[in-house]
C-alpha atoms as a PDB file:
ATOM      1  CA  MET A   1      53.507-144.294 -27.472  1.00  0.00           C
ATOM      2  CA  ARG A   2      55.837-141.792 -25.832  1.00  0.00           C
ATOM      3  CA  LYS A   3      57.615-142.877 -22.663  1.00  0.00           C
ATOM      4  CA  SER A   4      56.104-139.975 -20.691  1.00  0.00           C
ATOM      5  CA  LYS A   5      52.602-141.097 -21.708  1.00  0.00           C
ATOM      6  CA  VAL A   6      53.337-144.695 -20.661  1.00  0.00           C
ATOM      7  CA  VAL A   7      54.637-143.504 -17.286  1.00  0.00           C
ATOM      8  CA  THR A   8      51.518-141.358 -16.773  1.00  0.00           C
ATOM      9  CA  LEU A   9      49.247-144.305 -17.592  1.00  0.00           C
ATOM     10  CA  MET A  10      51.206-146.520 -15.187  1.00  0.00           C
ATOM     11  CA  ASN A  11      50.576-144.103 -12.322  1.00  0.00           C
ATOM     12  CA  TYR A  12      46.805-144.583 -12.199  1.00  0.00           C
ATOM     13  CA  ASN A  13      45.464-146.854  -9.475  1.00  0.00           C
ATOM     14  CA  LEU A  14      45.178-150.581 -10.195  1.00  0.00           C
ATOM     15  CA  THR A  15      41.389-150.455  -9.930  1.00  0.00           C
ATOM     16  CA  ASP A  16      38.465-150.335 -12.344  1.00  0.00           C
ATOM     17  CA  PHE A  17      38.307-146.573 -11.765  1.00  0.00           C
ATOM     18  CA  GLY A  18      42.031-146.289 -12.535  1.00  0.00           C
ATOM     19  CA  ASN A  19      41.404-148.259 -15.722  1.00  0.00           C
ATOM     20  CA  ALA A  20      38.645-145.803 -16.660  1.00  0.00           C
ATOM     21  CA  GLU A  21      41.144-142.968 -16.290  1.00  0.00           C
ATOM     22  CA  ARG A  22      43.656-144.898 -18.421  1.00  0.00           C
ATOM     23  CA  LEU A  23      41.031-145.467 -21.105  1.00  0.00           C
ATOM     24  CA  HIS A  24      40.110-141.801 -21.134  1.00  0.00           C
ATOM     25  CA  ASP A  25      43.756-140.850 -21.639  1.00  0.00           C
ATOM     26  CA  MET A  26      44.285-143.541 -24.274  1.00  0.00           C
ATOM     27  CA  PHE A  27      41.012-143.082 -26.185  1.00  0.00           C
ATOM     28  CA  GLY A  28      41.077-139.297 -26.033  1.00  0.00           C
ATOM     29  CA  LYS A  29      38.122-137.828 -27.840  1.00  0.00           C
ATOM     30  CA  THR A  30      37.600-140.856 -30.111  1.00  0.00           C
ATOM     31  CA  TRP A  31      35.040-142.576 -27.862  1.00  0.00           C
ATOM     32  CA  LYS A  32      31.788-141.141 -26.476  1.00  0.00           C
ATOM     33  CA  TYR A  33      28.739-142.604 -24.806  1.00  0.00           C
ATOM     34  CA  LEU A  34      25.228-141.470 -25.748  1.00  0.00           C
ATOM     35  CA  GLU A  35      22.953-142.147 -22.792  1.00  0.00           C
ATOM     36  CA  GLU A  36      19.751-141.410 -24.728  1.00  0.00           C
ATOM     37  CA  TYR A  37      20.594-144.184 -27.219  1.00  0.00           C
ATOM     38  CA  LYS A  38      22.472-146.438 -24.755  1.00  0.00           C
ATOM     39  CA  THR A  39      25.320-146.773 -27.212  1.00  0.00           C
ATOM     40  CA  TRP A  40      28.991-145.998 -27.596  1.00  0.00           C
ATOM     41  CA  LEU A  41      30.264-143.946 -30.518  1.00  0.00           C
ATOM     42  CA  HIS A  42      33.725-144.331 -31.992  1.00  0.00           C
ATOM     43  CA  TRP A  43      35.373-141.772 -34.266  1.00  0.00           C
ATOM     44  CA  ASP A  44      37.164-143.629 -37.061  1.00  0.00           C
ATOM     45  CA  GLY A  45      38.864-140.530 -38.425  1.00  0.00           C
ATOM     46  CA  HIS A  46      35.993-139.710 -40.774  1.00  0.00           C
ATOM     47  CA  HIS A  47      32.691-140.620 -39.093  1.00  0.00           C
ATOM     48  CA  TRP A  48      31.168-141.445 -35.738  1.00  0.00           C
ATOM     49  CA  LYS A  49      30.189-145.116 -35.742  1.00  0.00           C
ATOM     50  CA  SER A  50      27.841-146.753 -33.276  1.00  0.00           C
ATOM     51  CA  LYS A  51      29.416-149.510 -31.173  1.00  0.00           C
ATOM     52  CA  ASN A  52      27.763-151.811 -28.671  1.00  0.00           C
ATOM     53  CA  THR A  53      29.160-152.434 -25.203  1.00  0.00           C
ATOM     54  CA  LEU A  54      30.892-155.652 -26.268  1.00  0.00           C
ATOM     55  CA  GLN A  55      32.739-153.821 -29.041  1.00  0.00           C
ATOM     56  CA  ALA A  56      33.757-151.114 -26.565  1.00  0.00           C
ATOM     57  CA  CYS A  57      34.983-153.867 -24.188  1.00  0.00           C
ATOM     58  CA  TRP A  58      37.121-155.318 -26.964  1.00  0.00           C
ATOM     59  CA  ALA A  59      38.603-151.871 -27.622  1.00  0.00           C
ATOM     60  CA  ALA A  60      39.329-151.477 -23.894  1.00  0.00           C
ATOM     61  CA  ALA A  61      40.977-154.914 -23.731  1.00  0.00           C
ATOM     62  CA  GLU A  62      43.088-154.019 -26.763  1.00  0.00           C
ATOM     63  CA  ALA A  63      44.113-150.741 -25.095  1.00  0.00           C
ATOM     64  CA  PHE A  64      45.161-152.614 -21.934  1.00  0.00           C
ATOM     65  CA  GLN A  65      47.198-155.058 -24.031  1.00  0.00           C
ATOM     66  CA  THR A  66      48.870-152.201 -25.900  1.00  0.00           C
ATOM     67  CA  LEU A  67      49.814-150.486 -22.644  1.00  0.00           C
ATOM     68  CA  ALA A  68      51.245-153.718 -21.196  1.00  0.00           C
ATOM     69  CA  GLU A  69      53.374-154.110 -24.339  1.00  0.00           C
ATOM     70  CA  GLU A  70      54.573-150.507 -24.081  1.00  0.00           C
ATOM     71  CA  ILE A  71      55.544-151.002 -20.426  1.00  0.00           C
ATOM     72  CA  TYR A  72      57.491-154.123 -21.427  1.00  0.00           C
ATOM     73  CA  LYS A  73      59.393-152.062 -24.039  1.00  0.00           C
ATOM     74  CA  LEU A  74      60.574-149.491 -21.486  1.00  0.00           C
ATOM     75  CA  PRO A  75      64.287-149.605 -20.666  1.00  0.00           C
ATOM     76  CA  ALA A  76      65.003-152.100 -17.901  1.00  0.00           C
ATOM     77  CA  PRO A  77      64.912-150.404 -14.524  1.00  0.00           C
ATOM     78  CA  GLU A  78      67.928-150.620 -12.252  1.00  0.00           C
ATOM     79  CA  ASP A  79      65.684-150.461  -9.220  1.00  0.00           C
ATOM     80  CA  LYS A  80      64.263-153.825  -8.109  1.00  0.00           C
ATOM     81  CA  TRP A  81      61.144-152.101  -6.729  1.00  0.00           C
ATOM     82  CA  GLU A  82      60.405-150.440 -10.069  1.00  0.00           C
ATOM     83  CA  LEU A  83      60.697-153.799 -11.816  1.00  0.00           C
ATOM     84  CA  GLU A  84      58.243-155.332  -9.328  1.00  0.00           C
ATOM     85  CA  ARG A  85      55.905-152.357  -9.785  1.00  0.00           C
ATOM     86  CA  ARG A  86      55.927-152.793 -13.562  1.00  0.00           C
ATOM     87  CA  LEU A  87      55.205-156.497 -13.193  1.00  0.00           C
ATOM     88  CA  ARG A  88      52.252-155.728 -10.888  1.00  0.00           C
ATOM     89  CA  ILE A  89      50.885-153.216 -13.395  1.00  0.00           C
ATOM     90  CA  MET A  90      51.302-155.577 -16.361  1.00  0.00           C
ATOM     91  CA  THR A  91      49.617-158.387 -14.395  1.00  0.00           C
ATOM     92  CA  TRP A  92      46.727-156.052 -13.558  1.00  0.00           C
ATOM     93  CA  LEU A  93      46.409-155.006 -17.202  1.00  0.00           C
ATOM     94  CA  GLN A  94      46.321-158.645 -18.331  1.00  0.00           C
ATOM     95  CA  ARG A  95      43.560-159.371 -15.806  1.00  0.00           C
ATOM     96  CA  SER A  96      41.755-156.220 -16.909  1.00  0.00           C
ATOM     97  CA  LYS A  97      41.369-157.591 -20.425  1.00  0.00           C
ATOM     98  CA  CYS A  98      38.606-159.927 -19.256  1.00  0.00           C
ATOM     99  CA  ASN A  99      35.090-158.815 -20.161  1.00  0.00           C
ATOM    100  CA  PHE A 100      34.136-158.186 -16.510  1.00  0.00           C
ATOM    101  CA  ARG A 101      37.022-155.778 -15.808  1.00  0.00           C
ATOM    102  CA  SER A 102      36.766-154.013 -19.167  1.00  0.00           C
ATOM    103  CA  LYS A 103      33.034-153.536 -18.718  1.00  0.00           C
ATOM    104  CA  ASN A 104      33.506-152.133 -15.202  1.00  0.00           C
ATOM    105  CA  ALA A 105      36.102-149.658 -16.476  1.00  0.00           C
ATOM    106  CA  LEU A 106      33.726-148.599 -19.247  1.00  0.00           C
ATOM    107  CA  LEU A 107      30.911-148.088 -16.733  1.00  0.00           C
ATOM    108  CA  PHE A 108      33.144-145.762 -14.724  1.00  0.00           C
ATOM    109  CA  LEU A 109      34.288-143.995 -17.897  1.00  0.00           C
ATOM    110  CA  ARG A 110      30.693-143.585 -19.047  1.00  0.00           C
ATOM    111  CA  GLY A 111      29.755-142.037 -15.713  1.00  0.00           C
ATOM    112  CA  MET A 112      32.701-139.654 -15.850  1.00  0.00           C
ATOM    113  CA  LEU A 113      31.867-138.608 -19.414  1.00  0.00           C
ATOM    114  CA  GLU A 114      28.178-138.091 -18.586  1.00  0.00           C
ATOM    115  CA  SER A 115      28.971-136.015 -15.498  1.00  0.00           C
ATOM    116  CA  GLY A 116      31.344-133.805 -17.461  1.00  0.00           C
ATOM    117  CA  GLN A 117      34.263-134.877 -15.282  1.00  0.00           C
ATOM    118  CA  PHE A 118      36.451-134.990 -18.394  1.00  0.00           C
END
């Protein structure tokens, strides 16, 4: 992941809504929610595949883990406050991997997708 993308993803609020925005930026157009079927769809590069909420939660948790790893790989900051900020973000991302947080982020994302916000 490019450094500029990591920095953008770090700037979202440390909330479930902020996580929904992160997921939208990370998932791009590869995830959709179909309200009429109450299911998530994932584009695998060839086909749209139906995914249940638990599978979408796993994908969200994996995305949060990936972002935390990318933040860790950034060059060490000289500023003590930036280091503390990164640690806060990585701690939030680790907590966000739990099913409750991932599901909340997906609920926000679903609402944003359905409303045409993205």
